Amino acid sequence: MQLNERACAEVETRLAKYEPFETDPAIDEAMRDLVKAGFVSQTELPILPPPAEKPAPVAIAGRRGREGRRRR
C-alpha cells in the first residue's frame, strides 16, 4: 500500500470515529453571523447533511482466541 493510500485510509478511519459535540446555540449563531458577514455574493450557508452513523467496531489485529490461552 502506497503512502497516499495509507494516508487516505487513516483519514477515513478517523472521520468514521468522529463524534460531534453539542455547541451552545448562542455561540453557533454568532459563528454563523461572522461567516455570513464575510460573504460577497453568497447570502446563505450551505445545508450540511447529518453525521453518518457509527460503523461497527473493528477487531484488533493479532488477537485471536480467549485471553490467556496458550498456543502449542
C-alpha atoms as a PDB file:
ATOM      1  CA  MET A   1       0.000   0.000   0.000  1.00  0.00           C
ATOM      2  CA  GLN A   2       1.421   3.377  -1.016  1.00  0.00           C
ATOM      3  CA  LEU A   3       1.818   6.286   1.386  1.00  0.00           C
ATOM      4  CA  ASN A   4      -1.052   8.208  -0.203  1.00  0.00           C
ATOM      5  CA  GLU A   5      -3.390   5.202   0.090  1.00  0.00           C
ATOM      6  CA  ARG A   6      -2.436   4.658   3.739  1.00  0.00           C
ATOM      7  CA  ALA A   7      -2.990   8.357   4.489  1.00  0.00           C
ATOM      8  CA  CYS A   8      -6.416   8.306   2.829  1.00  0.00           C
ATOM      9  CA  ALA A   9      -7.377   5.144   4.703  1.00  0.00           C
ATOM     10  CA  GLU A  10      -6.304   6.715   8.011  1.00  0.00           C
ATOM     11  CA  VAL A  11      -8.357   9.854   7.292  1.00  0.00           C
ATOM     12  CA  GLU A  12     -11.422   7.738   6.500  1.00  0.00           C
ATOM     13  CA  THR A  13     -10.925   5.731   9.708  1.00  0.00           C
ATOM     14  CA  ARG A  14     -10.624   8.851  11.845  1.00  0.00           C
ATOM     15  CA  LEU A  15     -13.610  10.519  10.196  1.00  0.00           C
ATOM     16  CA  ALA A  16     -15.692   7.407  10.849  1.00  0.00           C
ATOM     17  CA  LYS A  17     -14.774   7.585  14.556  1.00  0.00           C
ATOM     18  CA  TYR A  18     -15.593  11.306  14.876  1.00  0.00           C
ATOM     19  CA  GLU A  19     -18.316  12.114  17.362  1.00  0.00           C
ATOM     20  CA  PRO A  20     -19.773  15.634  17.024  1.00  0.00           C
ATOM     21  CA  PHE A  21     -20.295  17.569  20.223  1.00  0.00           C
ATOM     22  CA  GLU A  22     -23.058  19.943  21.238  1.00  0.00           C
ATOM     23  CA  THR A  23     -22.371  23.633  20.666  1.00  0.00           C
ATOM     24  CA  ASP A  24     -24.085  26.377  22.638  1.00  0.00           C
ATOM     25  CA  PRO A  25     -26.792  27.727  20.289  1.00  0.00           C
ATOM     26  CA  ALA A  26     -25.776  31.355  21.000  1.00  0.00           C
ATOM     27  CA  ILE A  27     -22.145  30.591  20.064  1.00  0.00           C
ATOM     28  CA  ASP A  28     -23.263  28.693  16.957  1.00  0.00           C
ATOM     29  CA  GLU A  29     -25.402  31.624  15.810  1.00  0.00           C
ATOM     30  CA  ALA A  30     -22.565  34.110  16.461  1.00  0.00           C
ATOM     31  CA  MET A  31     -20.142  31.990  14.399  1.00  0.00           C
ATOM     32  CA  ARG A  32     -22.656  31.754  11.547  1.00  0.00           C
ATOM     33  CA  ASP A  33     -23.148  35.536  11.617  1.00  0.00           C
ATOM     34  CA  LEU A  34     -19.373  36.056  11.399  1.00  0.00           C
ATOM     35  CA  VAL A  35     -19.130  33.786   8.368  1.00  0.00           C
ATOM     36  CA  LYS A  36     -22.125  35.419   6.657  1.00  0.00           C
ATOM     37  CA  ALA A  37     -20.603  38.867   7.244  1.00  0.00           C
ATOM     38  CA  GLY A  38     -17.681  37.846   5.021  1.00  0.00           C
ATOM     39  CA  PHE A  39     -19.868  36.773   2.091  1.00  0.00           C
ATOM     40  CA  VAL A  40     -19.505  38.727  -1.143  1.00  0.00           C
ATOM     41  CA  SER A  41     -22.221  37.264  -3.391  1.00  0.00           C
ATOM     42  CA  GLN A  42     -23.484  34.294  -1.371  1.00  0.00           C
ATOM     43  CA  THR A  43     -26.322  35.001   1.064  1.00  0.00           C
ATOM     44  CA  GLU A  44     -26.914  31.698   2.884  1.00  0.00           C
ATOM     45  CA  LEU A  45     -24.759  28.985   4.408  1.00  0.00           C
ATOM     46  CA  PRO A  46     -24.919  25.560   2.732  1.00  0.00           C
ATOM     47  CA  ILE A  47     -27.078  22.935   4.393  1.00  0.00           C
ATOM     48  CA  LEU A  48     -24.925  20.180   5.873  1.00  0.00           C
ATOM     49  CA  PRO A  49     -26.100  16.563   5.955  1.00  0.00           C
ATOM     50  CA  PRO A  50     -26.373  14.873   9.360  1.00  0.00           C
ATOM     51  CA  PRO A  51     -23.295  12.957  10.507  1.00  0.00           C
ATOM     52  CA  ALA A  52     -23.095   9.326   9.429  1.00  0.00           C
ATOM     53  CA  GLU A  53     -23.985   6.600  11.872  1.00  0.00           C
ATOM     54  CA  LYS A  54     -21.044   4.935  13.564  1.00  0.00           C
ATOM     55  CA  PRO A  55     -19.783   1.770  11.884  1.00  0.00           C
ATOM     56  CA  ALA A  56     -19.345  -1.484  13.783  1.00  0.00           C
ATOM     57  CA  PRO A  57     -16.145  -1.620  15.860  1.00  0.00           C
ATOM     58  CA  VAL A  58     -13.142  -3.109  14.100  1.00  0.00           C
ATOM     59  CA  ALA A  59     -11.437  -6.124  15.684  1.00  0.00           C
ATOM     60  CA  ILE A  60      -7.885  -5.548  16.892  1.00  0.00           C
ATOM     61  CA  ALA A  61      -5.391  -7.239  14.597  1.00  0.00           C
ATOM     62  CA  GLY A  62      -3.264 -10.023  16.070  1.00  0.00           C
ATOM     63  CA  ARG A  63      -5.661 -11.104  18.819  1.00  0.00           C
ATOM     64  CA  ARG A  64      -7.411 -14.419  18.417  1.00  0.00           C
ATOM     65  CA  GLY A  65      -8.984 -16.811  20.825  1.00  0.00           C
ATOM     66  CA  ARG A  66      -9.577 -16.324  24.515  1.00  0.00           C
ATOM     67  CA  GLU A  67      -7.257 -14.122  26.514  1.00  0.00           C
ATOM     68  CA  GLY A  68      -4.655 -16.091  28.430  1.00  0.00           C
ATOM     69  CA  ARG A  69      -4.991 -19.137  26.202  1.00  0.00           C
ATOM     70  CA  ARG A  70      -1.635 -20.695  25.344  1.00  0.00           C
ATOM     71  CA  ARG A  71      -0.749 -21.833  21.876  1.00  0.00           C
ATOM     72  CA  ARG A  72       1.206 -25.013  21.389  1.00  0.00           C
END
